[in-house]
C-alpha cells in the first residue's frame, strides 16, 4: 500500500480506503486490528453506557472508531474515549482524552497493555482503563508523575465505584454477562 520506508503520518492514515478494519498509527508505524467479536462489543457498549451516565457536560463519551490524534505520527482508536467537547473536530479528537478505555482481545493484549498504555501516558492522558473480558476484570489506571499507577481494580462479581475522572460504577461480571 505504501512504498516508502519513512514513518507514516496522519495524512497517510487518512488516505487508506475504508475497508471496515481499524487502522491506528503509533510513532509512524501502521497497526491493523481485525473486526471485534461480539463479546468485545458487548463490553464496549456496557462500558460506554456506564461512562456516559455521569459524563460532565463539557465532555463526551464515544465508542470506537474515533481517531485520537496525539501527534502527527500517532493516531489511536480507543474502544471508548471521553474527550472534552472543545477538542472534538469533525474528524477526530484532536488532543489528549480525559479517559481512554481498551477492551482487551487476544490479538490486542500486548498493544493495549504496553504500547497504547505507554503512548497515552507520554501524551498526558490522565485516566486509562483496561477491561479484560476473559477474567473478567477492570484495571483503572491514573497518571501520576508521568506514569500510570493503579487507582482501582476489580475482578469477577466485584462492583467498584470510581471517582476519577468522575463517578462511574462498574462490575466486571455485568460487563460480560449475556443476560
N, C-alpha and C. Protein backbone atom coordinates (compact mmCIF):
# COMPACT_ATOMS: atom_id res chain seq x y z
N UNK A 1 0.82 -1.19 0.00
CA UNK A 1 0.00 0.00 0.00
C UNK A 1 0.87 1.25 0.00
N UNK A 2 1.85 1.30 0.89
CA UNK A 2 2.75 2.43 0.95
C UNK A 2 4.14 1.94 0.59
N UNK A 3 4.75 2.60 -0.41
CA UNK A 3 6.03 2.12 -0.91
C UNK A 3 7.23 2.74 -0.24
N UNK A 4 7.04 3.67 0.66
CA UNK A 4 8.19 4.31 1.29
C UNK A 4 8.46 3.71 2.67
N UNK A 5 9.66 3.97 3.16
CA UNK A 5 10.05 3.42 4.45
C UNK A 5 10.09 4.48 5.53
N UNK A 6 9.73 5.71 5.20
CA UNK A 6 9.69 6.76 6.20
C UNK A 6 8.49 6.53 7.10
N UNK A 7 8.54 7.07 8.32
CA UNK A 7 7.38 6.92 9.21
C UNK A 7 6.12 7.50 8.56
N UNK A 8 5.02 6.83 8.77
CA UNK A 8 3.74 7.30 8.24
C UNK A 8 3.22 8.44 9.09
N UNK A 9 2.34 9.22 8.49
CA UNK A 9 1.74 10.34 9.21
C UNK A 9 0.22 10.20 9.18
N UNK A 10 -0.42 11.10 9.87
CA UNK A 10 -1.88 11.13 9.90
C UNK A 10 -2.45 11.26 8.49
N UNK A 11 -1.80 12.01 7.63
CA UNK A 11 -2.25 12.17 6.24
C UNK A 11 -2.25 10.83 5.51
N UNK A 12 -1.20 10.02 5.72
CA UNK A 12 -1.15 8.68 5.11
C UNK A 12 -2.31 7.83 5.62
N UNK A 13 -2.56 7.91 6.91
CA UNK A 13 -3.64 7.14 7.53
C UNK A 13 -4.99 7.52 6.93
N UNK A 14 -5.21 8.80 6.72
CA UNK A 14 -6.47 9.27 6.16
C UNK A 14 -6.67 8.85 4.71
N UNK A 15 -5.58 8.49 4.02
CA UNK A 15 -5.69 8.10 2.61
C UNK A 15 -6.04 6.63 2.41
N UNK A 16 -6.08 5.86 3.49
CA UNK A 16 -6.42 4.44 3.39
C UNK A 16 -7.91 4.30 3.13
N UNK A 17 -8.23 3.48 2.14
CA UNK A 17 -9.65 3.26 1.80
C UNK A 17 -10.36 2.59 2.97
N UNK A 18 -11.62 2.95 3.17
CA UNK A 18 -12.42 2.36 4.24
C UNK A 18 -12.74 0.92 3.90
N UNK A 19 -12.14 -0.01 4.64
CA UNK A 19 -12.37 -1.44 4.40
C UNK A 19 -12.90 -2.14 5.65
N UNK A 20 -13.46 -1.39 6.57
CA UNK A 20 -14.05 -1.85 7.83
C UNK A 20 -13.04 -2.43 8.81
N UNK A 21 -11.77 -2.26 8.56
CA UNK A 21 -10.75 -2.62 9.54
C UNK A 21 -10.39 -1.36 10.32
N UNK A 22 -9.78 -1.57 11.47
CA UNK A 22 -9.37 -0.45 12.31
C UNK A 22 -7.87 -0.26 12.15
N UNK A 23 -7.48 0.91 11.64
CA UNK A 23 -6.07 1.25 11.46
C UNK A 23 -5.67 2.32 12.46
N UNK A 24 -4.54 2.09 13.13
CA UNK A 24 -4.00 3.06 14.06
C UNK A 24 -2.55 3.32 13.68
N UNK A 25 -2.03 4.41 14.18
CA UNK A 25 -0.67 4.81 13.87
C UNK A 25 0.05 5.09 15.18
N UNK A 26 1.16 4.41 15.41
CA UNK A 26 1.94 4.63 16.62
C UNK A 26 3.38 4.90 16.22
N UNK A 27 3.82 6.12 16.49
CA UNK A 27 5.18 6.54 16.13
C UNK A 27 5.48 6.25 14.67
N UNK A 28 4.50 6.48 13.79
CA UNK A 28 4.71 6.30 12.36
C UNK A 28 4.55 4.89 11.85
N UNK A 29 4.20 3.96 12.73
CA UNK A 29 4.02 2.55 12.34
C UNK A 29 2.53 2.24 12.29
N UNK A 30 2.09 1.63 11.19
CA UNK A 30 0.68 1.32 10.99
C UNK A 30 0.33 0.01 11.70
N UNK A 31 -0.76 0.05 12.49
CA UNK A 31 -1.29 -1.13 13.17
C UNK A 31 -2.68 -1.40 12.63
N UNK A 32 -3.02 -2.67 12.40
CA UNK A 32 -4.34 -3.03 11.91
C UNK A 32 -4.95 -4.02 12.87
N UNK A 33 -6.23 -3.79 13.22
CA UNK A 33 -6.95 -4.70 14.10
C UNK A 33 -8.09 -5.35 13.32
N UNK A 34 -8.31 -6.64 13.55
CA UNK A 34 -9.44 -7.31 12.89
C UNK A 34 -10.76 -6.84 13.50
N UNK A 35 -11.86 -7.18 12.85
CA UNK A 35 -13.18 -6.84 13.38
C UNK A 35 -13.34 -7.46 14.76
N UNK A 36 -13.93 -6.72 15.70
CA UNK A 36 -14.09 -7.25 17.06
C UNK A 36 -15.17 -8.33 17.13
N UNK A 37 -15.05 -9.16 18.15
CA UNK A 37 -16.01 -10.24 18.41
C UNK A 37 -17.20 -9.71 19.19
N UNK A 38 -18.31 -10.44 19.18
CA UNK A 38 -19.49 -9.99 19.93
C UNK A 38 -19.22 -9.72 21.41
N UNK A 39 -18.44 -10.57 22.09
CA UNK A 39 -18.12 -10.34 23.49
C UNK A 39 -17.45 -8.98 23.67
N UNK A 40 -16.50 -8.69 22.82
CA UNK A 40 -15.79 -7.41 22.87
C UNK A 40 -16.77 -6.25 22.72
N UNK A 41 -17.67 -6.33 21.75
CA UNK A 41 -18.61 -5.26 21.51
C UNK A 41 -19.64 -5.11 22.63
N UNK A 42 -20.02 -6.23 23.24
CA UNK A 42 -20.93 -6.19 24.40
C UNK A 42 -20.29 -5.39 25.52
N UNK A 43 -19.02 -5.67 25.80
CA UNK A 43 -18.31 -4.97 26.87
C UNK A 43 -18.15 -3.49 26.52
N UNK A 44 -17.80 -3.19 25.28
CA UNK A 44 -17.67 -1.79 24.86
C UNK A 44 -18.98 -1.04 25.08
N UNK A 45 -20.10 -1.64 24.66
CA UNK A 45 -21.40 -0.99 24.81
C UNK A 45 -21.73 -0.72 26.28
N UNK A 46 -21.42 -1.67 27.15
CA UNK A 46 -21.74 -1.51 28.57
C UNK A 46 -20.81 -0.52 29.27
N UNK A 47 -19.54 -0.51 28.87
CA UNK A 47 -18.62 0.50 29.42
C UNK A 47 -19.06 1.88 28.96
N UNK A 48 -19.43 2.00 27.68
CA UNK A 48 -19.89 3.29 27.17
C UNK A 48 -21.11 3.78 27.95
N UNK A 49 -22.06 2.89 28.20
CA UNK A 49 -23.25 3.27 28.97
C UNK A 49 -22.85 3.74 30.37
N UNK A 50 -21.93 3.03 31.00
CA UNK A 50 -21.51 3.38 32.36
C UNK A 50 -20.80 4.73 32.40
N UNK A 51 -19.89 4.98 31.45
CA UNK A 51 -19.15 6.25 31.49
C UNK A 51 -20.00 7.42 30.98
N UNK A 52 -21.03 7.13 30.21
CA UNK A 52 -21.91 8.19 29.71
C UNK A 52 -22.86 8.70 30.79
N UNK A 53 -23.20 7.83 31.72
CA UNK A 53 -24.22 8.15 32.74
C UNK A 53 -23.94 9.46 33.47
N UNK A 54 -22.72 9.66 33.96
CA UNK A 54 -22.38 10.86 34.73
C UNK A 54 -21.36 11.75 34.03
N UNK A 55 -21.22 11.58 32.73
CA UNK A 55 -20.23 12.35 31.97
C UNK A 55 -20.51 13.84 32.11
N UNK A 56 -19.50 14.62 32.48
CA UNK A 56 -19.71 16.07 32.62
C UNK A 56 -20.17 16.70 31.30
N UNK A 57 -20.88 17.80 31.40
CA UNK A 57 -21.43 18.45 30.21
C UNK A 57 -20.36 18.94 29.24
N UNK A 58 -19.16 19.24 29.74
CA UNK A 58 -18.11 19.72 28.84
C UNK A 58 -17.34 18.59 28.18
N UNK A 59 -17.76 17.35 28.43
CA UNK A 59 -17.11 16.17 27.85
C UNK A 59 -18.13 15.34 27.08
N UNK A 60 -17.61 14.44 26.24
CA UNK A 60 -18.47 13.50 25.54
C UNK A 60 -17.77 12.15 25.47
N UNK A 61 -18.54 11.09 25.75
CA UNK A 61 -18.03 9.72 25.67
C UNK A 61 -18.50 9.10 24.36
N UNK A 62 -17.58 8.51 23.60
CA UNK A 62 -17.91 7.91 22.31
C UNK A 62 -17.25 6.54 22.17
N UNK A 63 -17.89 5.63 21.43
CA UNK A 63 -17.27 4.33 21.16
C UNK A 63 -16.38 4.40 19.92
N UNK A 64 -15.50 3.43 19.79
CA UNK A 64 -14.69 3.32 18.57
C UNK A 64 -15.60 3.09 17.37
N UNK A 65 -15.20 3.51 16.22
CA UNK A 65 -13.92 4.12 15.91
C UNK A 65 -13.96 5.65 15.93
N UNK A 66 -13.19 6.24 16.83
CA UNK A 66 -12.94 7.68 16.86
C UNK A 66 -11.43 7.84 16.93
N UNK A 67 -10.86 8.50 15.94
CA UNK A 67 -9.42 8.76 15.95
C UNK A 67 -9.08 9.72 17.08
N UNK A 68 -8.03 9.40 17.81
CA UNK A 68 -7.49 10.27 18.85
C UNK A 68 -6.09 10.66 18.38
N UNK A 69 -5.95 11.92 17.99
CA UNK A 69 -4.70 12.40 17.41
C UNK A 69 -3.80 12.90 18.54
N UNK A 70 -2.76 12.11 18.84
CA UNK A 70 -1.82 12.50 19.89
C UNK A 70 -0.62 13.25 19.30
N UNK A 71 -0.28 12.94 18.05
CA UNK A 71 0.81 13.59 17.33
C UNK A 71 0.61 13.30 15.86
N UNK A 72 1.38 13.95 15.00
CA UNK A 72 1.21 13.73 13.56
C UNK A 72 1.50 12.28 13.19
N UNK A 73 2.34 11.61 13.99
CA UNK A 73 2.68 10.22 13.68
C UNK A 73 2.02 9.21 14.63
N UNK A 74 1.08 9.68 15.47
CA UNK A 74 0.42 8.79 16.43
C UNK A 74 -1.07 9.11 16.51
N UNK A 75 -1.87 8.17 15.98
CA UNK A 75 -3.33 8.28 15.99
C UNK A 75 -3.87 6.97 16.55
N UNK A 76 -4.48 7.02 17.70
CA UNK A 76 -5.02 5.82 18.35
C UNK A 76 -6.53 5.80 18.23
N UNK A 77 -7.11 4.61 18.40
CA UNK A 77 -8.56 4.45 18.42
C UNK A 77 -8.92 3.62 19.65
N UNK A 78 -9.11 4.27 20.80
CA UNK A 78 -9.54 3.53 21.99
C UNK A 78 -10.94 2.95 21.77
N UNK A 79 -11.26 1.87 22.49
CA UNK A 79 -12.59 1.28 22.38
C UNK A 79 -13.67 2.23 22.87
N UNK A 80 -13.36 2.98 23.93
CA UNK A 80 -14.24 4.04 24.42
C UNK A 80 -13.33 5.22 24.75
N UNK A 81 -13.74 6.40 24.34
CA UNK A 81 -12.94 7.59 24.62
C UNK A 81 -13.86 8.67 25.18
N UNK A 82 -13.35 9.35 26.21
CA UNK A 82 -14.03 10.52 26.75
C UNK A 82 -13.09 11.70 26.50
N UNK A 83 -13.63 12.67 25.78
CA UNK A 83 -12.84 13.85 25.47
C UNK A 83 -13.61 15.12 25.78
N UNK A 84 -12.89 16.20 25.87
CA UNK A 84 -13.54 17.50 26.07
C UNK A 84 -14.21 17.88 24.74
N UNK A 85 -15.43 18.36 24.83
CA UNK A 85 -16.19 18.70 23.62
C UNK A 85 -15.40 19.67 22.73
N UNK A 86 -14.68 20.59 23.33
CA UNK A 86 -13.94 21.59 22.54
C UNK A 86 -12.80 20.96 21.73
N UNK A 87 -12.36 19.74 22.12
CA UNK A 87 -11.25 19.08 21.43
C UNK A 87 -11.70 18.19 20.28
N UNK A 88 -13.01 17.94 20.16
CA UNK A 88 -13.50 17.14 19.04
C UNK A 88 -13.60 18.01 17.80
N UNK A 89 -13.10 17.49 16.69
CA UNK A 89 -13.27 18.15 15.40
C UNK A 89 -14.28 17.34 14.61
N UNK A 90 -14.49 17.69 13.38
CA UNK A 90 -15.41 16.93 12.54
C UNK A 90 -14.90 15.51 12.29
N UNK A 91 -13.56 15.31 12.35
CA UNK A 91 -12.96 14.02 12.02
C UNK A 91 -12.41 13.23 13.19
N UNK A 92 -12.10 13.91 14.32
CA UNK A 92 -11.33 13.21 15.35
C UNK A 92 -11.39 13.97 16.68
N UNK A 93 -10.76 13.34 17.68
CA UNK A 93 -10.47 14.02 18.94
C UNK A 93 -9.03 14.52 18.78
N UNK A 94 -8.88 15.81 18.69
CA UNK A 94 -7.56 16.39 18.46
C UNK A 94 -6.94 16.75 19.81
N UNK A 95 -6.18 15.83 20.34
CA UNK A 95 -5.55 16.07 21.63
C UNK A 95 -5.76 14.92 22.59
N UNK A 96 -5.40 15.18 23.81
CA UNK A 96 -5.38 14.15 24.84
C UNK A 96 -6.78 13.90 25.40
N UNK A 97 -7.22 12.64 25.46
CA UNK A 97 -8.52 12.35 26.05
C UNK A 97 -8.50 12.52 27.57
N UNK A 98 -9.68 12.67 28.14
CA UNK A 98 -9.85 12.68 29.59
C UNK A 98 -9.76 11.24 30.11
N UNK A 99 -10.28 10.31 29.31
CA UNK A 99 -10.29 8.89 29.64
C UNK A 99 -10.23 8.09 28.35
N UNK A 100 -9.38 7.08 28.34
CA UNK A 100 -9.33 6.11 27.24
C UNK A 100 -9.53 4.73 27.85
N UNK A 101 -10.40 3.92 27.22
CA UNK A 101 -10.69 2.58 27.71
C UNK A 101 -10.41 1.59 26.59
N UNK A 102 -9.69 0.54 26.92
CA UNK A 102 -9.44 -0.54 25.97
C UNK A 102 -10.02 -1.83 26.53
N UNK A 103 -10.77 -2.54 25.68
CA UNK A 103 -11.26 -3.87 26.00
C UNK A 103 -10.29 -4.84 25.34
N UNK A 104 -9.62 -5.62 26.14
CA UNK A 104 -8.55 -6.48 25.65
C UNK A 104 -9.11 -7.65 24.85
N UNK A 105 -8.53 -7.85 23.69
CA UNK A 105 -8.83 -9.01 22.84
C UNK A 105 -7.56 -9.86 22.78
N UNK A 106 -7.70 -11.15 22.45
CA UNK A 106 -6.48 -11.97 22.33
C UNK A 106 -5.45 -11.36 21.39
N UNK A 107 -5.92 -10.75 20.29
CA UNK A 107 -4.99 -10.19 19.31
C UNK A 107 -4.44 -8.83 19.70
N UNK A 108 -5.04 -8.17 20.70
CA UNK A 108 -4.61 -6.82 21.05
C UNK A 108 -3.96 -6.69 22.42
N UNK A 109 -3.82 -7.79 23.14
CA UNK A 109 -3.35 -7.73 24.53
C UNK A 109 -2.06 -6.93 24.69
N UNK A 110 -1.04 -7.25 23.94
CA UNK A 110 0.25 -6.56 24.08
C UNK A 110 0.15 -5.10 23.66
N UNK A 111 -0.58 -4.84 22.59
CA UNK A 111 -0.74 -3.45 22.12
C UNK A 111 -1.45 -2.62 23.17
N UNK A 112 -2.55 -3.15 23.74
CA UNK A 112 -3.33 -2.40 24.73
C UNK A 112 -2.60 -2.23 26.05
N UNK A 113 -1.98 -3.29 26.54
CA UNK A 113 -1.37 -3.23 27.87
C UNK A 113 0.02 -2.60 27.89
N UNK A 114 0.67 -2.55 26.75
CA UNK A 114 2.02 -1.98 26.72
C UNK A 114 2.13 -0.74 25.83
N UNK A 115 1.90 -0.93 24.54
CA UNK A 115 2.14 0.13 23.56
C UNK A 115 1.20 1.33 23.75
N UNK A 116 -0.11 1.08 23.73
CA UNK A 116 -1.05 2.19 23.90
C UNK A 116 -0.92 2.82 25.28
N UNK A 117 -0.73 1.99 26.27
CA UNK A 117 -0.55 2.50 27.64
C UNK A 117 0.61 3.48 27.69
N UNK A 118 1.74 3.12 27.09
CA UNK A 118 2.92 3.98 27.11
C UNK A 118 2.69 5.28 26.33
N UNK A 119 2.04 5.18 25.16
CA UNK A 119 1.81 6.38 24.34
C UNK A 119 0.82 7.32 25.02
N UNK A 120 -0.22 6.78 25.63
CA UNK A 120 -1.20 7.63 26.30
C UNK A 120 -0.59 8.28 27.54
N UNK A 121 0.24 7.56 28.26
CA UNK A 121 0.93 8.15 29.42
C UNK A 121 1.85 9.27 28.97
N UNK A 122 2.63 9.03 27.92
CA UNK A 122 3.55 10.05 27.41
C UNK A 122 2.80 11.30 26.94
N UNK A 123 1.59 11.10 26.42
CA UNK A 123 0.78 12.23 25.94
C UNK A 123 0.08 12.98 27.08
N UNK A 124 0.03 12.35 28.26
CA UNK A 124 -0.58 13.00 29.41
C UNK A 124 -2.04 12.66 29.63
N UNK A 125 -2.52 11.54 29.07
CA UNK A 125 -3.90 11.12 29.30
C UNK A 125 -4.05 10.75 30.78
N UNK A 126 -4.91 11.44 31.53
CA UNK A 126 -4.96 11.24 32.98
C UNK A 126 -5.56 9.92 33.43
N UNK A 127 -6.39 9.28 32.60
CA UNK A 127 -7.06 8.05 33.00
C UNK A 127 -7.05 7.04 31.86
N UNK A 128 -6.61 5.82 32.16
CA UNK A 128 -6.57 4.74 31.18
C UNK A 128 -7.09 3.48 31.86
N UNK A 129 -8.14 2.90 31.29
CA UNK A 129 -8.73 1.70 31.86
C UNK A 129 -8.56 0.54 30.90
N UNK A 130 -8.24 -0.61 31.47
CA UNK A 130 -8.13 -1.86 30.71
C UNK A 130 -9.18 -2.83 31.23
N UNK A 131 -10.00 -3.33 30.33
CA UNK A 131 -11.04 -4.30 30.68
C UNK A 131 -10.68 -5.61 30.01
N UNK A 132 -10.50 -6.65 30.81
CA UNK A 132 -10.22 -7.98 30.27
C UNK A 132 -11.47 -8.83 30.43
N UNK A 133 -12.22 -9.04 29.33
CA UNK A 133 -13.47 -9.79 29.43
C UNK A 133 -13.28 -11.27 29.70
N UNK A 134 -12.07 -11.77 29.58
CA UNK A 134 -11.83 -13.20 29.75
C UNK A 134 -11.61 -13.59 31.21
N UNK A 135 -11.42 -12.60 32.11
CA UNK A 135 -11.24 -12.92 33.53
C UNK A 135 -12.59 -12.99 34.25
N UNK A 136 -13.47 -12.03 34.20
CA UNK A 136 -13.32 -10.64 33.75
C UNK A 136 -12.74 -9.76 34.86
N UNK A 137 -12.05 -8.69 34.41
CA UNK A 137 -11.58 -7.70 35.38
C UNK A 137 -11.45 -6.33 34.73
N UNK A 138 -11.40 -5.33 35.60
CA UNK A 138 -11.24 -3.94 35.19
C UNK A 138 -10.06 -3.38 35.96
N UNK A 139 -9.11 -2.81 35.23
CA UNK A 139 -7.94 -2.17 35.83
C UNK A 139 -8.01 -0.69 35.47
N UNK A 140 -8.16 0.15 36.48
CA UNK A 140 -8.28 1.59 36.27
C UNK A 140 -6.98 2.26 36.68
N UNK A 141 -6.33 2.84 35.70
CA UNK A 141 -5.03 3.47 35.92
C UNK A 141 -5.19 4.99 35.91
N UNK A 142 -4.39 5.64 36.73
CA UNK A 142 -4.39 7.10 36.80
C UNK A 142 -2.95 7.58 36.64
N UNK A 143 -2.77 8.68 35.95
CA UNK A 143 -1.43 9.19 35.67
C UNK A 143 -0.90 9.97 36.87
N UNK A 144 0.24 9.55 37.36
CA UNK A 144 0.92 10.22 38.47
C UNK A 144 2.39 10.37 38.11
N UNK A 145 2.86 11.60 38.06
CA UNK A 145 4.26 11.89 37.75
C UNK A 145 4.71 11.21 36.45
N UNK A 146 3.84 11.25 35.43
CA UNK A 146 4.20 10.75 34.11
C UNK A 146 4.07 9.25 33.91
N UNK A 147 3.59 8.54 34.92
CA UNK A 147 3.43 7.08 34.79
C UNK A 147 2.08 6.67 35.36
N UNK A 148 1.54 5.58 34.80
CA UNK A 148 0.26 5.09 35.31
C UNK A 148 0.46 4.25 36.57
N UNK A 149 -0.42 4.51 37.53
CA UNK A 149 -0.48 3.70 38.75
C UNK A 149 -1.91 3.21 38.89
N UNK A 150 -2.09 2.11 39.58
CA UNK A 150 -3.42 1.55 39.75
C UNK A 150 -4.24 2.41 40.71
N UNK A 151 -5.38 2.89 40.21
CA UNK A 151 -6.31 3.64 41.05
C UNK A 151 -7.28 2.66 41.70
N UNK A 152 -7.83 1.75 40.90
CA UNK A 152 -8.76 0.73 41.39
C UNK A 152 -8.66 -0.47 40.46
N UNK A 153 -8.99 -1.62 41.01
CA UNK A 153 -9.05 -2.85 40.22
C UNK A 153 -10.17 -3.71 40.78
N UNK A 154 -10.90 -4.35 39.90
CA UNK A 154 -11.99 -5.23 40.32
C UNK A 154 -12.01 -6.44 39.41
N UNK A 155 -12.39 -7.58 39.99
CA UNK A 155 -12.46 -8.82 39.22
C UNK A 155 -13.79 -9.52 39.49
N UNK A 156 -14.20 -10.28 38.50
CA UNK A 156 -15.40 -11.12 38.57
C UNK A 156 -16.63 -10.31 39.01
N UNK A 157 -17.29 -10.70 40.09
CA UNK A 157 -18.53 -10.04 40.50
C UNK A 157 -18.26 -9.04 41.63
N UNK A 158 -17.26 -8.21 41.46
CA UNK A 158 -16.84 -7.25 42.48
C UNK A 158 -17.15 -5.83 41.96
N UNK A 159 -18.23 -5.22 42.41
CA UNK A 159 -18.56 -3.87 41.94
C UNK A 159 -17.60 -2.84 42.51
N UNK A 160 -17.32 -1.82 41.71
CA UNK A 160 -16.49 -0.71 42.19
C UNK A 160 -17.13 0.60 41.74
N UNK A 161 -16.89 1.63 42.51
CA UNK A 161 -17.28 2.98 42.14
C UNK A 161 -16.00 3.78 41.99
N UNK A 162 -15.83 4.33 40.81
CA UNK A 162 -14.64 5.13 40.52
C UNK A 162 -15.00 6.61 40.69
N UNK A 163 -14.03 7.40 41.07
CA UNK A 163 -14.27 8.84 41.21
C UNK A 163 -13.45 9.65 40.21
N UNK A 164 -12.52 9.00 39.53
CA UNK A 164 -11.70 9.69 38.52
C UNK A 164 -11.96 9.09 37.16
N UNK A 165 -12.24 9.84 36.13
CA UNK A 165 -12.27 11.30 36.10
C UNK A 165 -13.57 11.88 36.66
N UNK A 166 -14.56 11.02 36.88
CA UNK A 166 -15.83 11.38 37.51
C UNK A 166 -16.45 10.07 37.97
N UNK A 167 -17.58 10.13 38.67
CA UNK A 167 -18.14 8.91 39.25
C UNK A 167 -18.67 7.94 38.19
N UNK A 168 -18.16 6.71 38.26
CA UNK A 168 -18.58 5.63 37.35
C UNK A 168 -18.68 4.35 38.17
N UNK A 169 -19.79 3.65 38.03
CA UNK A 169 -19.98 2.35 38.69
C UNK A 169 -19.74 1.24 37.66
N UNK A 170 -18.91 0.27 38.02
CA UNK A 170 -18.61 -0.86 37.14
C UNK A 170 -18.63 -2.15 37.93
N UNK A 171 -19.05 -3.22 37.26
CA UNK A 171 -18.96 -4.57 37.80
C UNK A 171 -18.49 -5.45 36.64
N UNK A 172 -17.27 -5.99 36.73
CA UNK A 172 -16.74 -6.77 35.61
C UNK A 172 -17.68 -7.88 35.13
N UNK A 173 -18.34 -8.59 36.05
CA UNK A 173 -19.25 -9.68 35.66
C UNK A 173 -20.42 -9.16 34.85
N UNK A 174 -20.95 -7.99 35.22
CA UNK A 174 -22.07 -7.41 34.48
C UNK A 174 -21.65 -6.96 33.07
N UNK A 175 -20.39 -6.60 32.90
CA UNK A 175 -19.93 -6.15 31.58
C UNK A 175 -19.93 -7.28 30.56
N UNK A 176 -19.76 -8.53 31.03
CA UNK A 176 -19.63 -9.65 30.10
C UNK A 176 -20.85 -10.56 30.04
N UNK A 177 -21.76 -10.42 31.00
CA UNK A 177 -22.88 -11.37 31.06
C UNK A 177 -23.77 -11.25 29.83
N UNK A 178 -24.39 -12.38 29.46
CA UNK A 178 -25.22 -12.42 28.27
C UNK A 178 -26.69 -12.15 28.58
N UNK A 179 -27.01 -11.72 29.79
CA UNK A 179 -28.40 -11.51 30.18
C UNK A 179 -29.11 -10.80 29.12
